[in-house]
C-alpha atoms as a PDB file:
ATOM      1  CA  MET A   1      76.862 -41.854  33.033  1.00  0.00           C
ATOM      2  CA  ILE A   2      73.489 -40.656  33.600  1.00  0.00           C
ATOM      3  CA  ARG A   3      71.703 -39.174  30.609  1.00  0.00           C
ATOM      4  CA  ASN A   4      68.544 -40.773  30.167  1.00  0.00           C
ATOM      5  CA  ILE A   5      65.744 -40.285  32.778  1.00  0.00           C
ATOM      6  CA  ILE A   6      62.153 -41.657  33.380  1.00  0.00           C
ATOM      7  CA  LEU A   7      60.208 -39.478  36.003  1.00  0.00           C
ATOM      8  CA  ILE A   8      57.538 -41.589  37.962  1.00  0.00           C
ATOM      9  CA  GLY A   9      55.345 -38.750  39.108  1.00  0.00           C
ATOM     10  CA  ALA A  10      54.111 -35.500  37.834  1.00  0.00           C
ATOM     11  CA  GLY A  11      53.630 -33.247  40.930  1.00  0.00           C
ATOM     12  CA  ASN A  12      55.316 -30.227  42.453  1.00  0.00           C
ATOM     13  CA  LEU A  13      58.833 -31.703  43.068  1.00  0.00           C
ATOM     14  CA  ALA A  14      58.643 -33.903  40.010  1.00  0.00           C
ATOM     15  CA  SER A  15      57.774 -30.990  37.763  1.00  0.00           C
ATOM     16  CA  GLN A  16      60.193 -28.655  39.219  1.00  0.00           C
ATOM     17  CA  LEU A  17      63.014 -31.339  38.915  1.00  0.00           C
ATOM     18  CA  GLY A  18      61.886 -32.152  35.356  1.00  0.00           C
ATOM     19  CA  TYR A  19      62.274 -28.328  34.320  1.00  0.00           C
ATOM     20  CA  THR A  20      65.629 -28.295  35.676  1.00  0.00           C
ATOM     21  CA  LEU A  21      66.992 -31.506  34.209  1.00  0.00           C
ATOM     22  CA  SER A  22      65.244 -30.666  30.875  1.00  0.00           C
ATOM     23  CA  LYS A  23      67.113 -27.355  30.901  1.00  0.00           C
ATOM     24  CA  LYS A  24      70.462 -28.860  31.861  1.00  0.00           C
ATOM     25  CA  GLY A  25      70.536 -30.850  28.743  1.00  0.00           C
ATOM     26  CA  PHE A  26      69.235 -34.351  30.229  1.00  0.00           C
ATOM     27  CA  ASN A  27      67.045 -36.569  28.325  1.00  0.00           C
ATOM     28  CA  ILE A  28      63.738 -37.006  29.932  1.00  0.00           C
ATOM     29  CA  ARG A  29      62.211 -40.054  28.184  1.00  0.00           C
ATOM     30  CA  GLN A  30      59.066 -40.585  29.989  1.00  0.00           C
ATOM     31  CA  VAL A  31      56.678 -39.088  32.597  1.00  0.00           C
ATOM     32  CA  TYR A  32      54.325 -41.241  34.452  1.00  0.00           C
ATOM     33  CA  SER A  33      51.357 -40.207  36.495  1.00  0.00           C
ATOM     34  CA  TYR A  34      48.151 -42.108  37.423  1.00  0.00           C
ATOM     35  CA  THR A  35      46.398 -39.145  36.021  1.00  0.00           C
ATOM     36  CA  LEU A  36      47.216 -39.087  32.199  1.00  0.00           C
ATOM     37  CA  ALA A  37      46.467 -35.364  31.990  1.00  0.00           C
ATOM     38  CA  ASN A  38      49.035 -34.555  34.599  1.00  0.00           C
ATOM     39  CA  ALA A  39      51.535 -36.949  32.948  1.00  0.00           C
ATOM     40  CA  GLU A  40      51.014 -35.093  29.582  1.00  0.00           C
ATOM     41  CA  LEU A  41      51.232 -31.432  31.071  1.00  0.00           C
ATOM     42  CA  LEU A  42      54.597 -32.003  32.356  1.00  0.00           C
ATOM     43  CA  ALA A  43      55.830 -34.439  29.515  1.00  0.00           C
ATOM     44  CA  ASP A  44      54.849 -31.445  27.116  1.00  0.00           C
ATOM     45  CA  LYS A  45      57.304 -29.058  28.842  1.00  0.00           C
ATOM     46  CA  VAL A  46      60.168 -31.521  28.860  1.00  0.00           C
ATOM     47  CA  ASN A  47      59.598 -33.195  25.587  1.00  0.00           C
ATOM     48  CA  ALA A  48      58.783 -36.374  26.908  1.00  0.00           C
ATOM     49  CA  TYR A  49      56.420 -39.267  26.487  1.00  0.00           C
ATOM     50  CA  ALA A  50      53.415 -39.454  28.854  1.00  0.00           C
ATOM     51  CA  THR A  51      51.860 -42.564  30.306  1.00  0.00           C
ATOM     52  CA  ASP A  52      49.569 -43.758  33.145  1.00  0.00           C
ATOM     53  CA  ASN A  53      50.597 -47.245  32.858  1.00  0.00           C
ATOM     54  CA  LEU A  54      53.547 -48.446  34.781  1.00  0.00           C
ATOM     55  CA  ASN A  55      53.925 -51.452  32.501  1.00  0.00           C
ATOM     56  CA  GLU A  56      54.715 -49.242  29.517  1.00  0.00           C
ATOM     57  CA  ILE A  57      57.853 -47.791  31.488  1.00  0.00           C
ATOM     58  CA  GLN A  58      60.735 -48.038  29.530  1.00  0.00           C
ATOM     59  CA  LYS A  59      63.348 -50.574  30.994  1.00  0.00           C
ATOM     60  CA  ASP A  60      66.447 -49.213  29.665  1.00  0.00           C
ATOM     61  CA  ALA A  61      66.816 -45.510  31.027  1.00  0.00           C
ATOM     62  CA  ASP A  62      69.911 -44.633  32.963  1.00  0.00           C
ATOM     63  CA  LEU A  63      67.735 -43.400  36.021  1.00  0.00           C
ATOM     64  CA  TYR A  64      64.253 -43.626  37.245  1.00  0.00           C
ATOM     65  CA  ILE A  65      62.977 -40.937  39.893  1.00  0.00           C
ATOM     66  CA  ILE A  66      60.095 -42.096  41.831  1.00  0.00           C
ATOM     67  CA  SER A  67      58.531 -38.591  43.007  1.00  0.00           C
ATOM     68  CA  VAL A  68      54.872 -39.411  44.283  1.00  0.00           C
ATOM     69  CA  LYS A  69      53.074 -38.845  47.526  1.00  0.00           C
ATOM     70  CA  ASP A  70      54.548 -40.804  50.384  1.00  0.00           C
ATOM     71  CA  GLY A  71      51.082 -42.660  50.717  1.00  0.00           C
ATOM     72  CA  ALA A  72      51.374 -43.987  47.270  1.00  0.00           C
ATOM     73  CA  LEU A  73      55.122 -44.567  47.156  1.00  0.00           C
ATOM     74  CA  LEU A  74      55.099 -48.288  48.044  1.00  0.00           C
ATOM     75  CA  GLN A  75      52.317 -49.210  45.751  1.00  0.00           C
ATOM     76  CA  VAL A  76      54.211 -47.373  42.961  1.00  0.00           C
ATOM     77  CA  ILE A  77      57.402 -49.406  43.979  1.00  0.00           C
ATOM     78  CA  ASN A  78      55.764 -52.589  43.975  1.00  0.00           C
ATOM     79  CA  GLN A  79      53.988 -52.023  40.509  1.00  0.00           C
ATOM     80  CA  LEU A  80      57.007 -50.707  38.886  1.00  0.00           C
ATOM     81  CA  PRO A  81      58.665 -53.584  36.634  1.00  0.00           C
ATOM     82  CA  ILE A  82      62.425 -54.521  37.239  1.00  0.00           C
ATOM     83  CA  VAL A  83      64.519 -52.372  35.223  1.00  0.00           C
ATOM     84  CA  LYS A  84      68.096 -52.020  34.411  1.00  0.00           C
ATOM     85  CA  GLY A  85      68.956 -48.408  35.771  1.00  0.00           C
ATOM     86  CA  ILE A  86      69.240 -46.819  38.929  1.00  0.00           C
ATOM     87  CA  VAL A  87      65.840 -46.295  40.733  1.00  0.00           C
ATOM     88  CA  VAL A  88      65.533 -43.690  43.300  1.00  0.00           C
ATOM     89  CA  HIS A  89      62.831 -42.005  45.286  1.00  0.00           C
ATOM     90  CA  THR A  90      62.811 -38.371  46.480  1.00  0.00           C
ATOM     91  CA  ALA A  91      60.941 -38.885  49.974  1.00  0.00           C
ATOM     92  CA  GLY A  92      61.828 -37.580  53.124  1.00  0.00           C
ATOM     93  CA  SER A  93      60.487 -40.143  55.539  1.00  0.00           C
ATOM     94  CA  VAL A  94      60.705 -43.189  53.622  1.00  0.00           C
ATOM     95  CA  ASN A  95      63.509 -45.771  54.293  1.00  0.00           C
ATOM     96  CA  ILE A  96      65.827 -46.846  51.566  1.00  0.00           C
ATOM     97  CA  ASP A  97      64.767 -50.421  52.006  1.00  0.00           C
ATOM     98  CA  ALA A  98      61.677 -49.797  50.210  1.00  0.00           C
ATOM     99  CA  LEU A  99      63.710 -49.964  46.837  1.00  0.00           C
ATOM    100  CA  LEU A 100      65.416 -53.540  47.593  1.00  0.00           C
ATOM    101  CA  LYS A 101      63.568 -55.059  44.909  1.00  0.00           C
ATOM    102  CA  PHE A 102      65.863 -53.105  42.599  1.00  0.00           C
ATOM    103  CA  GLU A 103      69.525 -54.121  42.133  1.00  0.00           C
ATOM    104  CA  ASN A 104      70.601 -50.618  41.589  1.00  0.00           C
ATOM    105  CA  ASN A 105      68.707 -48.070  44.076  1.00  0.00           C
ATOM    106  CA  GLY A 106      69.195 -44.911  46.139  1.00  0.00           C
ATOM    107  CA  ILE A 107      67.753 -41.793  47.197  1.00  0.00           C
ATOM    108  CA  LEU A 108      67.690 -38.232  45.884  1.00  0.00           C
ATOM    109  CA  TYR A 109      66.310 -35.979  48.382  1.00  0.00           C
ATOM    110  CA  PRO A 110      66.098 -32.281  47.248  1.00  0.00           C
ATOM    111  CA  PHE A 111      65.570 -30.622  50.589  1.00  0.00           C
ATOM    112  CA  GLN A 112      63.140 -27.600  49.645  1.00  0.00           C
ATOM    113  CA  THR A 113      59.610 -26.975  49.553  1.00  0.00           C
ATOM    114  CA  PHE A 114      58.129 -27.058  46.147  1.00  0.00           C
ATOM    115  CA  SER A 115      55.097 -25.569  44.255  1.00  0.00           C
ATOM    116  CA  LYS A 116      54.328 -26.662  40.785  1.00  0.00           C
ATOM    117  CA  ASP A 117      53.694 -23.133  39.490  1.00  0.00           C
ATOM    118  CA  ARG A 118      56.604 -21.410  41.377  1.00  0.00           C
ATOM    119  CA  ASP A 119      60.073 -21.795  39.668  1.00  0.00           C
ATOM    120  CA  VAL A 120      63.078 -22.708  42.148  1.00  0.00           C
ATOM    121  CA  GLU A 121      66.826 -22.463  41.457  1.00  0.00           C
ATOM    122  CA  PHE A 122      68.147 -25.960  42.216  1.00  0.00           C
ATOM    123  CA  ASP A 123      71.597 -24.402  42.376  1.00  0.00           C
ATOM    124  CA  SER A 124      71.119 -23.360  46.013  1.00  0.00           C
ATOM    125  CA  ILE A 125      69.009 -26.520  47.178  1.00  0.00           C
ATOM    126  CA  PRO A 126      70.906 -29.038  49.281  1.00  0.00           C
ATOM    127  CA  ILE A 127      70.646 -32.493  47.487  1.00  0.00           C
ATOM    128  CA  LEU A 128      70.761 -35.345  49.990  1.00  0.00           C
ATOM    129  CA  ILE A 129      72.174 -38.770  48.685  1.00  0.00           C
ATOM    130  CA  GLU A 130      71.959 -42.221  49.817  1.00  0.00           C
ATOM    131  CA  SER A 131      72.961 -45.628  48.438  1.00  0.00           C
ATOM    132  CA  ASP A 132      74.198 -48.995  49.919  1.00  0.00           C
ATOM    133  CA  LYS A 133      76.476 -49.256  46.903  1.00  0.00           C
ATOM    134  CA  PRO A 134      79.389 -47.028  46.870  1.00  0.00           C
ATOM    135  CA  GLU A 135      79.344 -46.913  43.006  1.00  0.00           C
ATOM    136  CA  ILE A 136      75.702 -45.888  42.652  1.00  0.00           C
ATOM    137  CA  GLU A 137      76.051 -43.191  45.279  1.00  0.00           C
ATOM    138  CA  ASP A 138      79.174 -41.808  43.443  1.00  0.00           C
ATOM    139  CA  LYS A 139      77.067 -41.737  40.318  1.00  0.00           C
ATOM    140  CA  LEU A 140      74.145 -40.049  42.064  1.00  0.00           C
ATOM    141  CA  THR A 141      76.447 -37.600  43.541  1.00  0.00           C
ATOM    142  CA  LYS A 142      78.052 -36.665  40.087  1.00  0.00           C
ATOM    143  CA  PHE A 143      74.499 -36.444  38.656  1.00  0.00           C
ATOM    144  CA  ALA A 144      73.360 -33.984  41.506  1.00  0.00           C
ATOM    145  CA  LYS A 145      76.244 -31.904  41.166  1.00  0.00           C
ATOM    146  CA  CYS A 146      75.128 -31.072  37.609  1.00  0.00           C
ATOM    147  CA  PHE A 147      72.210 -28.985  38.947  1.00  0.00           C
ATOM    148  CA  SER A 148      73.079 -28.073  42.716  1.00  0.00           C
ATOM    149  CA  LYS A 149      76.192 -26.641  44.434  1.00  0.00           C
ATOM    150  CA  THR A 150      75.147 -28.540  47.775  1.00  0.00           C
ATOM    151  CA  VAL A 151      75.118 -32.313  47.374  1.00  0.00           C
ATOM    152  CA  SER A 152      75.941 -34.695  50.452  1.00  0.00           C
ATOM    153  CA  SER A 153      75.573 -38.033  51.671  1.00  0.00           C
ATOM    154  CA  CYS A 154      72.798 -38.747  54.219  1.00  0.00           C
ATOM    155  CA  ASN A 155      71.430 -42.021  55.652  1.00  0.00           C
ATOM    156  CA  SER A 156      67.768 -42.893  56.073  1.00  0.00           C
ATOM    157  CA  ASN A 157      67.605 -42.156  59.882  1.00  0.00           C
ATOM    158  CA  GLN A 158      69.593 -38.704  59.363  1.00  0.00           C
ATOM    159  CA  ARG A 159      66.907 -37.831  56.535  1.00  0.00           C
ATOM    160  CA  LYS A 160      63.863 -38.815  58.595  1.00  0.00           C
ATOM    161  CA  ASN A 161      65.112 -36.418  61.392  1.00  0.00           C
ATOM    162  CA  ILE A 162      65.666 -33.509  58.714  1.00  0.00           C
ATOM    163  CA  HIS A 163      62.232 -34.229  57.501  1.00  0.00           C
ATOM    164  CA  LEU A 164      60.923 -33.990  61.011  1.00  0.00           C
ATOM    165  CA  ALA A 165      62.798 -30.693  61.573  1.00  0.00           C
ATOM    166  CA  ALA A 166      61.533 -29.404  58.304  1.00  0.00           C
ATOM    167  CA  VAL A 167      57.904 -30.177  59.002  1.00  0.00           C
ATOM    168  CA  PHE A 168      58.298 -27.573  62.127  1.00  0.00           C
ATOM    169  CA  ALA A 169      60.351 -25.100  60.456  1.00  0.00           C
ATOM    170  CA  CYS A 170      58.572 -25.003  57.002  1.00  0.00           C
ATOM    171  CA  ASN A 171      55.052 -26.592  57.060  1.00  0.00           C
ATOM    172  CA  PHE A 172      54.079 -25.759  60.570  1.00  0.00           C
ATOM    173  CA  SER A 173      55.341 -21.881  60.236  1.00  0.00           C
ATOM    174  CA  ASN A 174      53.504 -21.530  56.828  1.00  0.00           C
ATOM    175  CA  HIS A 175      50.351 -22.747  58.688  1.00  0.00           C
ATOM    176  CA  MET A 176      50.923 -19.881  61.200  1.00  0.00           C
ATOM    177  CA  TYR A 177      51.478 -17.478  58.109  1.00  0.00           C
ATOM    178  CA  ALA A 178      47.942 -18.680  57.043  1.00  0.00           C
ATOM    179  CA  ILE A 179      46.602 -18.144  60.715  1.00  0.00           C
ATOM    180  CA  ALA A 180      47.968 -14.669  60.843  1.00  0.00           C
ATOM    181  CA  GLU A 181      46.431 -13.868  57.274  1.00  0.00           C
ATOM    182  CA  GLU A 182      43.153 -15.037  58.596  1.00  0.00           C
ATOM    183  CA  LEU A 183      43.209 -12.897  61.689  1.00  0.00           C
ATOM    184  CA  LEU A 184      44.126  -9.810  59.793  1.00  0.00           C
ATOM    185  CA  SER A 185      41.646 -10.424  56.985  1.00  0.00           C
ATOM    186  CA  LYS A 186      38.772 -10.545  59.601  1.00  0.00           C
ATOM    187  CA  ASN A 187      39.839  -6.915  60.454  1.00  0.00           C
ATOM    188  CA  ASN A 188      40.342  -5.823  56.867  1.00  0.00           C
ATOM    189  CA  ILE A 189      44.013  -5.569  57.129  1.00  0.00           C
ATOM    190  CA  SER A 190      46.081  -6.633  54.258  1.00  0.00           C
ATOM    191  CA  PHE A 191      48.578  -9.399  54.785  1.00  0.00           C
ATOM    192  CA  ASP A 192      51.372  -7.210  53.172  1.00  0.00           C
ATOM    193  CA  VAL A 193      51.744  -5.578  56.585  1.00  0.00           C
ATOM    194  CA  ILE A 194      53.472  -8.713  58.186  1.00  0.00           C
ATOM    195  CA  LYS A 195      55.569  -9.810  55.202  1.00  0.00           C
ATOM    196  CA  PRO A 196      58.576  -7.597  56.517  1.00  0.00           C
ATOM    197  CA  LEU A 197      58.321  -9.364  59.818  1.00  0.00           C
ATOM    198  CA  ILE A 198      58.268 -12.687  58.137  1.00  0.00           C
ATOM    199  CA  ILE A 199      61.149 -11.970  56.152  1.00  0.00           C
ATOM    200  CA  GLU A 200      63.267 -10.456  59.114  1.00  0.00           C
ATOM    201  CA  THR A 201      62.408 -13.475  61.159  1.00  0.00           C
ATOM    202  CA  ALA A 202      63.883 -15.704  58.865  1.00  0.00           C
ATOM    203  CA  LEU A 203      67.049 -13.639  58.173  1.00  0.00           C
ATOM    204  CA  LYS A 204      67.840 -13.489  61.754  1.00  0.00           C
ATOM    205  CA  THR A 205      68.875 -17.401  61.645  1.00  0.00           C
ATOM    206  CA  GLU A 206      71.605 -16.376  59.307  1.00  0.00           C
ATOM    207  CA  SER A 207      73.430 -14.753  62.284  1.00  0.00           C
ATOM    208  CA  LEU A 208      71.555 -16.145  65.318  1.00  0.00           C
ATOM    209  CA  SER A 209      70.187 -19.325  66.724  1.00  0.00           C
ATOM    210  CA  PRO A 210      66.523 -19.307  66.727  1.00  0.00           C
ATOM    211  CA  ALA A 211      66.357 -19.700  70.490  1.00  0.00           C
ATOM    212  CA  LYS A 212      68.542 -16.461  70.824  1.00  0.00           C
ATOM    213  CA  ALA A 213      66.372 -14.793  68.202  1.00  0.00           C
ATOM    214  CA  GLN A 214      63.113 -15.386  69.918  1.00  0.00           C
ATOM    215  CA  THR A 215      61.123 -12.121  70.641  1.00  0.00           C
ATOM    216  CA  GLY A 216      57.627 -11.553  71.902  1.00  0.00           C
ATOM    217  CA  PRO A 217      55.609 -11.488  74.867  1.00  0.00           C
ATOM    218  CA  ALA A 218      56.071 -15.139  76.032  1.00  0.00           C
ATOM    219  CA  ILE A 219      59.994 -14.783  75.940  1.00  0.00           C
ATOM    220  CA  ARG A 220      59.493 -11.220  77.920  1.00  0.00           C
ATOM    221  CA  GLY A 221      57.149 -13.222  80.514  1.00  0.00           C
ATOM    222  CA  ASP A 222      54.613 -10.582  79.775  1.00  0.00           C
ATOM    223  CA  LYS A 223      51.602 -12.125  81.174  1.00  0.00           C
ATOM    224  CA  ALA A 224      49.397  -9.053  80.665  1.00  0.00           C
ATOM    225  CA  ILE A 225      49.713  -9.123  76.959  1.00  0.00           C
ATOM    226  CA  MET A 226      49.489 -12.965  76.490  1.00  0.00           C
ATOM    227  CA  ASP A 227      46.187 -12.878  78.715  1.00  0.00           C
ATOM    228  CA  SER A 228      45.002  -9.835  76.570  1.00  0.00           C
ATOM    229  CA  HIS A 229      45.736 -12.044  73.286  1.00  0.00           C
ATOM    230  CA  LEU A 230      44.121 -15.162  74.922  1.00  0.00           C
ATOM    231  CA  GLU A 231      40.760 -13.110  75.711  1.00  0.00           C
ATOM    232  CA  MET A 232      40.902 -12.054  71.982  1.00  0.00           C
ATOM    233  CA  LEU A 233      40.889 -15.700  70.900  1.00  0.00           C
ATOM    234  CA  SER A 234      38.125 -16.807  73.467  1.00  0.00           C
ATOM    235  CA  ASP A 235      35.708 -17.644  70.624  1.00  0.00           C
ATOM    236  CA  ASP A 236      38.187 -19.659  69.016  1.00  0.00           C
ATOM    237  CA  HIS A 237      39.105 -22.842  71.201  1.00  0.00           C
ATOM    238  CA  GLU A 238      41.730 -24.555  68.917  1.00  0.00           C
ATOM    239  CA  LEU A 239      43.607 -21.103  68.323  1.00  0.00           C
ATOM    240  CA  HIS A 240      43.365 -20.283  71.986  1.00  0.00           C
ATOM    241  CA  ALA A 241      44.869 -23.661  73.048  1.00  0.00           C
ATOM    242  CA  LEU A 242      47.500 -23.234  70.250  1.00  0.00           C
ATOM    243  CA  TYR A 243      48.357 -19.871  71.481  1.00  0.00           C
ATOM    244  CA  LYS A 244      48.784 -21.097  74.921  1.00  0.00           C
ATOM    245  CA  ASN A 245      50.782 -24.200  74.282  1.00  0.00           C
ATOM    246  CA  LEU A 246      53.295 -22.357  71.971  1.00  0.00           C
ATOM    247  CA  SER A 247      53.636 -19.646  74.691  1.00  0.00           C
ATOM    248  CA  ASN A 248      54.346 -22.186  77.146  1.00  0.00           C
ATOM    249  CA  ARG A 249      56.651 -23.945  75.055  1.00  0.00           C
ATOM    250  CA  ILE A 250      58.676 -20.783  74.307  1.00  0.00           C
ATOM    251  CA  ILE A 251      58.703 -19.708  78.234  1.00  0.00           C
ATOM    252  CA  LYS A 252      60.194 -23.331  79.027  1.00  0.00           C
ATOM    253  CA  MET A 253      62.818 -22.855  76.395  1.00  0.00           C
ATOM    254  CA  GLY A 254      63.650 -19.418  77.557  1.00  0.00           C
ATOM    255  CA  ASN A 255      64.023 -20.576  81.171  1.00  0.00           C
ATOM    256  CA  GLN A 256      66.657 -23.208  80.209  1.00  0.00           C
ATOM    257  CA  PRO A 257      70.198 -22.538  81.289  1.00  0.00           C
ATOM    258  CA  ASN A 258      72.803 -21.090  78.752  1.00  0.00           C
ATOM    259  CA  GLU A 259      75.434 -23.821  77.944  1.00  0.00           C
END
């Protein structure tokens, strides 16, 4: 049974997961971050010991959750001492083989976007589990079901493709919001005016496939409007090219025969 946990990382995901696990009654023993101040900030909130030294990590916890930037993950894994408990990482695009040095290893991937200062409800967040050992996968599944209603198994290749899709659906779409905010701000228009449109666009996916829900000048083939928009973007070559490429992609998708 998993009760005692070490958090290795103190960023957005580690913080939100730490808050949730602490509220659910799990014992967060330690929080590690290469920046001690960040470790202390999270540790104070979950009643844990903070450290910036991986050699100080306690070796008898039940679960070690590595939640750091992908670029630092392998370095942290290499520096982490051999421990008795289960060692998991939370990365979307890093293979489970990265954890082979640990006898008991797995993946615990919360499929959601996280910000440190915005609380999330883990109940509705899908948790994707992977382990080469059925008994470890079973333990991780039971653990995840303590704080999420949606827990499922997922291999590394599936997880990488889910992460790729998420970059398009979440990261790129949010960047589009940032572009929209910039365009509106330049004309002294509040971003609030477009928020209902953003919400309705997302809600449509509950009942329609995104391809069928597509609207706008590109899917209609309204060349006059598209040319007008491109003229408005003539001073920004990057946005001009982005608008043109996305419009062409929408037109191409719209021309595909229905199955």
